[in-house]
Amino acid sequence: MKPVITLICILSTVIFAACGPNLDKSAATTKDDIMKAEKDFEKMAAEKGIAEAFWYYADSNAVIKRGNDSLIVGRDNIRNYYSGEYYKQANVQWTPDFIGVSDNGDMAWTYGKYRWQSTDSSGRAQEFKGVFHTVWKKQKDGSWKYVWD
């Protein structure tokens, strides 16, 4: 009986040792995917406009919280929100300072600093800075879309 227990212990140790780095690697890979999604999102906002980028990267049930604690729900409503003239003249930059990943790898969250720049109706430059928080959900096709911003 003793050799069987010893064999089980050895096999268990080998299995856990083999799985440990893969779990870490998987989380690291997911964090890389999220950083890429964030930077591609930011790039699209600069190249194709804020409304298009916020629509494209939104999950169908996405929610954004904006001024006066207003909640905008759904991709099309988010696009409509950002379709105003103010946002057509604006640009935004952001960088995650932190990326977290759920244990099963299908959700992630980021936070970091953002900067909005725009020109008001009199042509005066305006700048707003703050902190963002985004929650990401892995889609069936393997892409990442935000569910909360």
N, C-alpha and C. Protein backbone atom coordinates (compact mmCIF):
# COMPACT_ATOMS: atom_id res chain seq x y z
N MET A 1 0.82 -1.19 0.00
CA MET A 1 0.00 0.00 0.00
C MET A 1 0.86 1.25 0.00
N LYS A 2 2.00 1.20 0.70
CA LYS A 2 2.88 2.35 0.79
C LYS A 2 3.39 2.81 -0.58
N PRO A 3 3.81 1.92 -1.49
CA PRO A 3 4.28 2.36 -2.81
C PRO A 3 3.18 3.09 -3.59
N VAL A 4 1.92 2.70 -3.44
CA VAL A 4 0.82 3.36 -4.15
C VAL A 4 0.65 4.79 -3.64
N ILE A 5 0.70 4.96 -2.34
CA ILE A 5 0.58 6.30 -1.76
C ILE A 5 1.75 7.18 -2.20
N THR A 6 2.94 6.61 -2.18
CA THR A 6 4.12 7.36 -2.63
C THR A 6 3.96 7.77 -4.09
N LEU A 7 3.49 6.88 -4.93
CA LEU A 7 3.28 7.17 -6.34
C LEU A 7 2.24 8.27 -6.52
N ILE A 8 1.16 8.20 -5.77
CA ILE A 8 0.12 9.23 -5.84
C ILE A 8 0.68 10.60 -5.43
N CYS A 9 1.47 10.62 -4.37
CA CYS A 9 2.08 11.88 -3.93
C CYS A 9 3.01 12.45 -5.00
N ILE A 10 3.82 11.60 -5.59
CA ILE A 10 4.75 12.06 -6.63
C ILE A 10 3.98 12.59 -7.83
N LEU A 11 2.97 11.84 -8.28
CA LEU A 11 2.19 12.28 -9.43
C LEU A 11 1.46 13.59 -9.13
N SER A 12 0.91 13.72 -7.94
CA SER A 12 0.22 14.95 -7.56
C SER A 12 1.17 16.14 -7.59
N THR A 13 2.37 15.95 -7.06
CA THR A 13 3.36 17.02 -7.05
C THR A 13 3.73 17.43 -8.47
N VAL A 14 3.94 16.45 -9.34
CA VAL A 14 4.29 16.74 -10.74
C VAL A 14 3.15 17.49 -11.43
N ILE A 15 1.92 17.05 -11.21
CA ILE A 15 0.77 17.70 -11.84
C ILE A 15 0.63 19.13 -11.36
N PHE A 16 0.70 19.36 -10.05
CA PHE A 16 0.58 20.72 -9.53
C PHE A 16 1.72 21.60 -10.00
N ALA A 17 2.91 21.08 -10.05
CA ALA A 17 4.06 21.86 -10.53
C ALA A 17 3.88 22.22 -12.00
N ALA A 18 3.35 21.32 -12.78
CA ALA A 18 3.14 21.58 -14.21
C ALA A 18 2.02 22.59 -14.44
N CYS A 19 1.01 22.53 -13.61
CA CYS A 19 -0.13 23.43 -13.79
C CYS A 19 0.13 24.83 -13.28
N GLY A 20 0.90 24.97 -12.24
CA GLY A 20 1.14 26.29 -11.65
C GLY A 20 1.62 27.33 -12.64
N PRO A 21 2.72 27.08 -13.34
CA PRO A 21 3.19 28.07 -14.30
C PRO A 21 2.21 28.33 -15.42
N ASN A 22 1.45 27.33 -15.83
CA ASN A 22 0.47 27.53 -16.89
C ASN A 22 -0.64 28.46 -16.44
N LEU A 23 -1.08 28.34 -15.19
CA LEU A 23 -2.09 29.25 -14.68
C LEU A 23 -1.56 30.68 -14.69
N ASP A 24 -0.33 30.86 -14.21
CA ASP A 24 0.27 32.19 -14.21
C ASP A 24 0.42 32.71 -15.64
N LYS A 25 0.87 31.82 -16.54
CA LYS A 25 1.05 32.21 -17.93
C LYS A 25 -0.29 32.62 -18.53
N SER A 26 -1.34 31.88 -18.23
CA SER A 26 -2.67 32.20 -18.75
C SER A 26 -3.12 33.58 -18.28
N ALA A 27 -2.94 33.87 -17.00
CA ALA A 27 -3.31 35.19 -16.48
C ALA A 27 -2.47 36.28 -17.14
N ALA A 28 -1.19 36.01 -17.32
CA ALA A 28 -0.31 36.99 -17.97
C ALA A 28 -0.73 37.21 -19.42
N THR A 29 -1.08 36.14 -20.10
CA THR A 29 -1.53 36.25 -21.49
C THR A 29 -2.83 37.05 -21.56
N THR A 30 -3.75 36.79 -20.64
CA THR A 30 -5.01 37.53 -20.61
C THR A 30 -4.75 39.00 -20.33
N LYS A 31 -3.85 39.30 -19.43
CA LYS A 31 -3.52 40.71 -19.16
C LYS A 31 -2.94 41.37 -20.40
N ASP A 32 -2.11 40.65 -21.14
CA ASP A 32 -1.59 41.19 -22.41
C ASP A 32 -2.72 41.45 -23.40
N ASP A 33 -3.68 40.53 -23.47
CA ASP A 33 -4.83 40.70 -24.36
C ASP A 33 -5.65 41.93 -23.97
N ILE A 34 -5.83 42.13 -22.68
CA ILE A 34 -6.60 43.28 -22.20
C ILE A 34 -5.85 44.58 -22.51
N MET A 35 -4.55 44.60 -22.27
CA MET A 35 -3.77 45.81 -22.59
C MET A 35 -3.88 46.12 -24.08
N LYS A 36 -3.81 45.09 -24.91
CA LYS A 36 -3.95 45.29 -26.35
C LYS A 36 -5.33 45.85 -26.68
N ALA A 37 -6.38 45.29 -26.07
CA ALA A 37 -7.74 45.80 -26.30
C ALA A 37 -7.84 47.26 -25.89
N GLU A 38 -7.27 47.62 -24.74
CA GLU A 38 -7.31 49.02 -24.28
C GLU A 38 -6.61 49.94 -25.29
N LYS A 39 -5.41 49.55 -25.74
CA LYS A 39 -4.65 50.40 -26.65
C LYS A 39 -5.30 50.45 -28.04
N ASP A 40 -5.87 49.33 -28.51
CA ASP A 40 -6.59 49.35 -29.79
C ASP A 40 -7.84 50.22 -29.70
N PHE A 41 -8.53 50.16 -28.58
CA PHE A 41 -9.70 50.98 -28.30
C PHE A 41 -9.31 52.46 -28.37
N GLU A 42 -8.25 52.82 -27.66
CA GLU A 42 -7.77 54.20 -27.66
C GLU A 42 -7.37 54.65 -29.08
N LYS A 43 -6.70 53.79 -29.82
CA LYS A 43 -6.26 54.10 -31.18
C LYS A 43 -7.47 54.32 -32.09
N MET A 44 -8.48 53.47 -31.97
CA MET A 44 -9.69 53.64 -32.78
C MET A 44 -10.38 54.95 -32.47
N ALA A 45 -10.41 55.32 -31.19
CA ALA A 45 -11.03 56.60 -30.80
C ALA A 45 -10.32 57.77 -31.49
N ALA A 46 -8.99 57.69 -31.60
CA ALA A 46 -8.23 58.76 -32.25
C ALA A 46 -8.42 58.75 -33.77
N GLU A 47 -8.51 57.56 -34.35
CA GLU A 47 -8.55 57.46 -35.81
C GLU A 47 -9.97 57.50 -36.41
N LYS A 48 -10.93 56.86 -35.73
CA LYS A 48 -12.28 56.77 -36.30
C LYS A 48 -13.32 57.54 -35.51
N GLY A 49 -12.92 58.12 -34.41
CA GLY A 49 -13.84 58.90 -33.61
C GLY A 49 -14.25 58.18 -32.34
N ILE A 50 -14.58 58.98 -31.36
CA ILE A 50 -14.93 58.47 -30.04
C ILE A 50 -16.22 57.64 -30.09
N ALA A 51 -17.22 58.13 -30.81
CA ALA A 51 -18.50 57.40 -30.88
C ALA A 51 -18.31 56.01 -31.47
N GLU A 52 -17.55 55.92 -32.55
CA GLU A 52 -17.33 54.63 -33.21
C GLU A 52 -16.57 53.67 -32.30
N ALA A 53 -15.54 54.16 -31.62
CA ALA A 53 -14.72 53.31 -30.75
C ALA A 53 -15.52 52.82 -29.55
N PHE A 54 -16.27 53.72 -28.91
CA PHE A 54 -17.05 53.30 -27.75
C PHE A 54 -18.17 52.35 -28.15
N TRP A 55 -18.69 52.47 -29.36
CA TRP A 55 -19.69 51.53 -29.86
C TRP A 55 -19.04 50.18 -30.17
N TYR A 56 -17.93 50.18 -30.90
CA TYR A 56 -17.29 48.96 -31.34
C TYR A 56 -16.83 48.10 -30.17
N TYR A 57 -16.25 48.70 -29.15
CA TYR A 57 -15.70 47.93 -28.03
C TYR A 57 -16.72 47.63 -26.93
N ALA A 58 -17.97 48.07 -27.12
CA ALA A 58 -19.02 47.82 -26.12
C ALA A 58 -19.66 46.45 -26.31
N ASP A 59 -19.84 45.73 -25.22
CA ASP A 59 -20.68 44.54 -25.20
C ASP A 59 -22.11 45.00 -25.48
N SER A 60 -22.95 44.11 -25.97
CA SER A 60 -24.33 44.51 -26.30
C SER A 60 -25.07 45.06 -25.08
N ASN A 61 -24.68 44.65 -23.89
CA ASN A 61 -25.32 45.13 -22.66
C ASN A 61 -24.46 46.12 -21.89
N ALA A 62 -23.52 46.75 -22.55
CA ALA A 62 -22.59 47.66 -21.87
C ALA A 62 -23.33 48.84 -21.23
N VAL A 63 -22.72 49.32 -20.15
CA VAL A 63 -23.23 50.50 -19.43
C VAL A 63 -22.05 51.44 -19.21
N ILE A 64 -22.28 52.72 -19.47
CA ILE A 64 -21.28 53.73 -19.11
C ILE A 64 -21.91 54.70 -18.12
N LYS A 65 -21.12 55.17 -17.20
CA LYS A 65 -21.55 56.16 -16.21
C LYS A 65 -20.87 57.47 -16.58
N ARG A 66 -21.66 58.49 -16.79
CA ARG A 66 -21.11 59.79 -17.16
C ARG A 66 -21.65 60.87 -16.24
N GLY A 67 -21.52 62.11 -16.63
CA GLY A 67 -21.86 63.26 -15.78
C GLY A 67 -23.15 63.11 -15.01
N ASN A 68 -23.15 63.65 -13.79
CA ASN A 68 -24.31 63.62 -12.91
C ASN A 68 -24.81 62.20 -12.65
N ASP A 69 -23.89 61.25 -12.64
CA ASP A 69 -24.21 59.84 -12.39
C ASP A 69 -25.24 59.29 -13.36
N SER A 70 -25.22 59.79 -14.59
CA SER A 70 -26.12 59.28 -15.63
C SER A 70 -25.59 57.95 -16.13
N LEU A 71 -26.49 56.99 -16.30
CA LEU A 71 -26.13 55.70 -16.87
C LEU A 71 -26.66 55.63 -18.30
N ILE A 72 -25.79 55.27 -19.23
CA ILE A 72 -26.17 55.07 -20.61
C ILE A 72 -26.03 53.58 -20.86
N VAL A 73 -27.12 52.93 -21.26
CA VAL A 73 -27.18 51.47 -21.36
C VAL A 73 -27.32 51.05 -22.82
N GLY A 74 -26.46 50.14 -23.26
CA GLY A 74 -26.54 49.56 -24.60
C GLY A 74 -25.63 50.25 -25.60
N ARG A 75 -25.14 49.46 -26.54
CA ARG A 75 -24.17 49.94 -27.54
C ARG A 75 -24.70 51.13 -28.34
N ASP A 76 -25.92 51.02 -28.85
CA ASP A 76 -26.45 52.10 -29.69
C ASP A 76 -26.65 53.39 -28.90
N ASN A 77 -27.11 53.28 -27.66
CA ASN A 77 -27.26 54.47 -26.83
C ASN A 77 -25.91 55.10 -26.50
N ILE A 78 -24.89 54.26 -26.34
CA ILE A 78 -23.54 54.78 -26.09
C ILE A 78 -23.05 55.52 -27.32
N ARG A 79 -23.25 54.95 -28.49
CA ARG A 79 -22.85 55.64 -29.73
C ARG A 79 -23.59 56.97 -29.86
N ASN A 80 -24.89 56.97 -29.60
CA ASN A 80 -25.67 58.21 -29.67
C ASN A 80 -25.15 59.26 -28.70
N TYR A 81 -24.81 58.83 -27.50
CA TYR A 81 -24.28 59.75 -26.49
C TYR A 81 -23.02 60.45 -27.01
N TYR A 82 -22.13 59.70 -27.63
CA TYR A 82 -20.86 60.25 -28.11
C TYR A 82 -20.94 60.85 -29.51
N SER A 83 -22.13 60.93 -30.10
CA SER A 83 -22.26 61.48 -31.45
C SER A 83 -22.43 62.99 -31.48
N GLY A 84 -22.51 63.64 -30.35
CA GLY A 84 -22.67 65.09 -30.30
C GLY A 84 -21.43 65.81 -30.82
N GLU A 85 -21.61 67.06 -31.22
CA GLU A 85 -20.51 67.87 -31.76
C GLU A 85 -19.34 67.97 -30.81
N TYR A 86 -19.62 68.09 -29.53
CA TYR A 86 -18.53 68.21 -28.56
C TYR A 86 -17.54 67.06 -28.70
N TYR A 87 -18.05 65.84 -28.83
CA TYR A 87 -17.18 64.66 -28.90
C TYR A 87 -16.52 64.51 -30.26
N LYS A 88 -17.11 65.11 -31.30
CA LYS A 88 -16.48 65.07 -32.62
C LYS A 88 -15.21 65.92 -32.63
N GLN A 89 -15.15 66.90 -31.75
CA GLN A 89 -13.99 67.79 -31.67
C GLN A 89 -13.03 67.39 -30.56
N ALA A 90 -13.34 66.33 -29.86
CA ALA A 90 -12.54 65.93 -28.69
C ALA A 90 -11.61 64.78 -29.03
N ASN A 91 -10.62 64.58 -28.18
CA ASN A 91 -9.81 63.37 -28.24
C ASN A 91 -9.54 62.93 -26.80
N VAL A 92 -9.27 61.66 -26.67
CA VAL A 92 -9.08 61.10 -25.34
C VAL A 92 -7.90 60.13 -25.37
N GLN A 93 -7.12 60.16 -24.32
CA GLN A 93 -6.01 59.22 -24.15
C GLN A 93 -6.15 58.60 -22.76
N TRP A 94 -5.75 57.34 -22.67
CA TRP A 94 -5.76 56.67 -21.38
C TRP A 94 -4.75 55.54 -21.36
N THR A 95 -4.35 55.17 -20.18
CA THR A 95 -3.44 54.04 -19.99
C THR A 95 -3.81 53.33 -18.71
N PRO A 96 -4.03 52.02 -18.78
CA PRO A 96 -4.29 51.28 -17.55
C PRO A 96 -3.06 51.27 -16.64
N ASP A 97 -3.30 51.52 -15.37
CA ASP A 97 -2.25 51.37 -14.35
C ASP A 97 -2.34 49.99 -13.70
N PHE A 98 -3.50 49.35 -13.85
CA PHE A 98 -3.72 48.05 -13.24
C PHE A 98 -4.65 47.23 -14.13
N ILE A 99 -4.36 45.95 -14.25
CA ILE A 99 -5.24 45.01 -14.95
C ILE A 99 -5.42 43.79 -14.05
N GLY A 100 -6.66 43.47 -13.74
CA GLY A 100 -6.98 42.28 -12.97
C GLY A 100 -7.76 41.32 -13.84
N VAL A 101 -7.66 40.03 -13.54
CA VAL A 101 -8.32 38.99 -14.34
C VAL A 101 -9.03 38.03 -13.40
N SER A 102 -10.25 37.64 -13.76
CA SER A 102 -10.99 36.66 -12.95
C SER A 102 -10.28 35.31 -12.99
N ASP A 103 -10.57 34.49 -12.00
CA ASP A 103 -9.94 33.18 -11.91
C ASP A 103 -10.17 32.32 -13.15
N ASN A 104 -11.35 32.40 -13.73
CA ASN A 104 -11.61 31.56 -14.91
C ASN A 104 -11.26 32.27 -16.22
N GLY A 105 -10.78 33.52 -16.15
CA GLY A 105 -10.26 34.21 -17.32
C GLY A 105 -11.28 34.79 -18.27
N ASP A 106 -12.56 34.87 -17.87
CA ASP A 106 -13.56 35.41 -18.79
C ASP A 106 -13.97 36.85 -18.47
N MET A 107 -13.44 37.39 -17.38
CA MET A 107 -13.70 38.80 -17.01
C MET A 107 -12.38 39.43 -16.63
N ALA A 108 -12.30 40.74 -16.85
CA ALA A 108 -11.10 41.48 -16.45
C ALA A 108 -11.52 42.90 -16.11
N TRP A 109 -10.68 43.60 -15.40
CA TRP A 109 -10.96 44.98 -15.03
C TRP A 109 -9.67 45.76 -15.08
N THR A 110 -9.84 47.03 -15.44
CA THR A 110 -8.68 47.91 -15.54
C THR A 110 -9.02 49.23 -14.85
N TYR A 111 -7.99 49.92 -14.42
CA TYR A 111 -8.15 51.31 -14.02
C TYR A 111 -6.85 52.04 -14.29
N GLY A 112 -6.98 53.34 -14.44
CA GLY A 112 -5.81 54.16 -14.74
C GLY A 112 -6.23 55.59 -14.98
N LYS A 113 -5.34 56.34 -15.57
CA LYS A 113 -5.58 57.77 -15.79
C LYS A 113 -6.03 58.02 -17.23
N TYR A 114 -6.93 59.01 -17.38
CA TYR A 114 -7.35 59.44 -18.71
C TYR A 114 -7.20 60.95 -18.83
N ARG A 115 -7.22 61.41 -20.09
CA ARG A 115 -7.17 62.85 -20.37
C ARG A 115 -8.03 63.12 -21.60
N TRP A 116 -9.05 63.96 -21.41
CA TRP A 116 -9.89 64.43 -22.52
C TRP A 116 -9.40 65.81 -22.91
N GLN A 117 -9.30 66.04 -24.21
CA GLN A 117 -8.97 67.37 -24.72
C GLN A 117 -10.02 67.72 -25.76
N SER A 118 -10.46 68.98 -25.73
CA SER A 118 -11.45 69.42 -26.69
C SER A 118 -11.36 70.94 -26.84
N THR A 119 -12.17 71.45 -27.72
CA THR A 119 -12.26 72.89 -27.94
C THR A 119 -13.71 73.28 -27.70
N ASP A 120 -13.92 74.31 -26.89
CA ASP A 120 -15.30 74.73 -26.64
C ASP A 120 -15.82 75.56 -27.82
N SER A 121 -17.07 76.01 -27.73
CA SER A 121 -17.71 76.71 -28.85
C SER A 121 -17.02 78.03 -29.20
N SER A 122 -16.25 78.60 -28.26
CA SER A 122 -15.53 79.85 -28.56
C SER A 122 -14.12 79.58 -29.07
N GLY A 123 -13.77 78.30 -29.23
CA GLY A 123 -12.45 77.95 -29.74
C GLY A 123 -11.39 77.80 -28.67
N ARG A 124 -11.78 77.89 -27.42
CA ARG A 124 -10.83 77.77 -26.31
C ARG A 124 -10.58 76.30 -25.99
N ALA A 125 -9.31 75.95 -25.86
CA ALA A 125 -8.94 74.56 -25.54
C ALA A 125 -9.33 74.23 -24.11
N GLN A 126 -9.83 73.01 -23.94
CA GLN A 126 -10.20 72.52 -22.62
C GLN A 126 -9.53 71.17 -22.40
N GLU A 127 -9.22 70.89 -21.13
CA GLU A 127 -8.64 69.60 -20.80
C GLU A 127 -9.22 69.12 -19.48
N PHE A 128 -9.58 67.85 -19.45
CA PHE A 128 -10.10 67.22 -18.25
C PHE A 128 -9.30 65.96 -17.99
N LYS A 129 -8.92 65.77 -16.75
CA LYS A 129 -8.17 64.57 -16.36
C LYS A 129 -8.93 63.83 -15.28
N GLY A 130 -8.70 62.55 -15.20
CA GLY A 130 -9.35 61.77 -14.17
C GLY A 130 -8.86 60.34 -14.15
N VAL A 131 -9.65 59.51 -13.49
CA VAL A 131 -9.34 58.09 -13.35
C VAL A 131 -10.50 57.31 -13.96
N PHE A 132 -10.19 56.32 -14.76
CA PHE A 132 -11.22 55.47 -15.35
C PHE A 132 -11.20 54.09 -14.70
N HIS A 133 -12.30 53.41 -14.85
CA HIS A 133 -12.42 52.02 -14.41
C HIS A 133 -13.27 51.30 -15.45
N THR A 134 -12.73 50.26 -16.05
CA THR A 134 -13.43 49.52 -17.08
C THR A 134 -13.49 48.05 -16.69
N VAL A 135 -14.64 47.44 -16.94
CA VAL A 135 -14.81 46.00 -16.73
C VAL A 135 -14.98 45.37 -18.11
N TRP A 136 -14.18 44.36 -18.38
CA TRP A 136 -14.15 43.68 -19.67
C TRP A 136 -14.73 42.27 -19.56
N LYS A 137 -15.40 41.83 -20.62
CA LYS A 137 -15.97 40.48 -20.68
C LYS A 137 -15.49 39.81 -21.97
N LYS A 138 -14.99 38.58 -21.82
CA LYS A 138 -14.54 37.82 -22.99
C LYS A 138 -15.77 37.37 -23.78
N GLN A 139 -15.75 37.59 -25.08
CA GLN A 139 -16.86 37.23 -25.94
C GLN A 139 -16.70 35.79 -26.45
N LYS A 140 -17.77 35.24 -26.99
CA LYS A 140 -17.74 33.87 -27.51
C LYS A 140 -16.68 33.69 -28.59
N ASP A 141 -16.39 34.76 -29.35
CA ASP A 141 -15.39 34.66 -30.41
C ASP A 141 -13.95 34.88 -29.92
N GLY A 142 -13.80 35.07 -28.59
CA GLY A 142 -12.48 35.26 -28.00
C GLY A 142 -12.06 36.72 -27.87
N SER A 143 -12.81 37.64 -28.46
CA SER A 143 -12.50 39.07 -28.34
C SER A 143 -12.95 39.58 -26.97
N TRP A 144 -12.52 40.78 -26.63
CA TRP A 144 -12.89 41.40 -25.37
C TRP A 144 -13.71 42.65 -25.64
N LYS A 145 -14.82 42.79 -24.92
CA LYS A 145 -15.68 43.98 -24.99
C LYS A 145 -15.93 44.47 -23.58
N TYR A 146 -16.09 45.77 -23.43
CA TYR A 146 -16.35 46.28 -22.08
C TYR A 146 -17.84 46.17 -21.76
N VAL A 147 -18.12 45.89 -20.49
CA VAL A 147 -19.50 45.86 -20.00
C VAL A 147 -19.77 47.05 -19.08
N TRP A 148 -18.70 47.68 -18.60
CA TRP A 148 -18.82 48.85 -17.72
C TRP A 148 -17.65 49.78 -17.97
N ASP A 149 -17.97 51.07 -18.10
CA ASP A 149 -16.91 52.06 -18.25
C ASP A 149 -17.35 53.32 -17.53
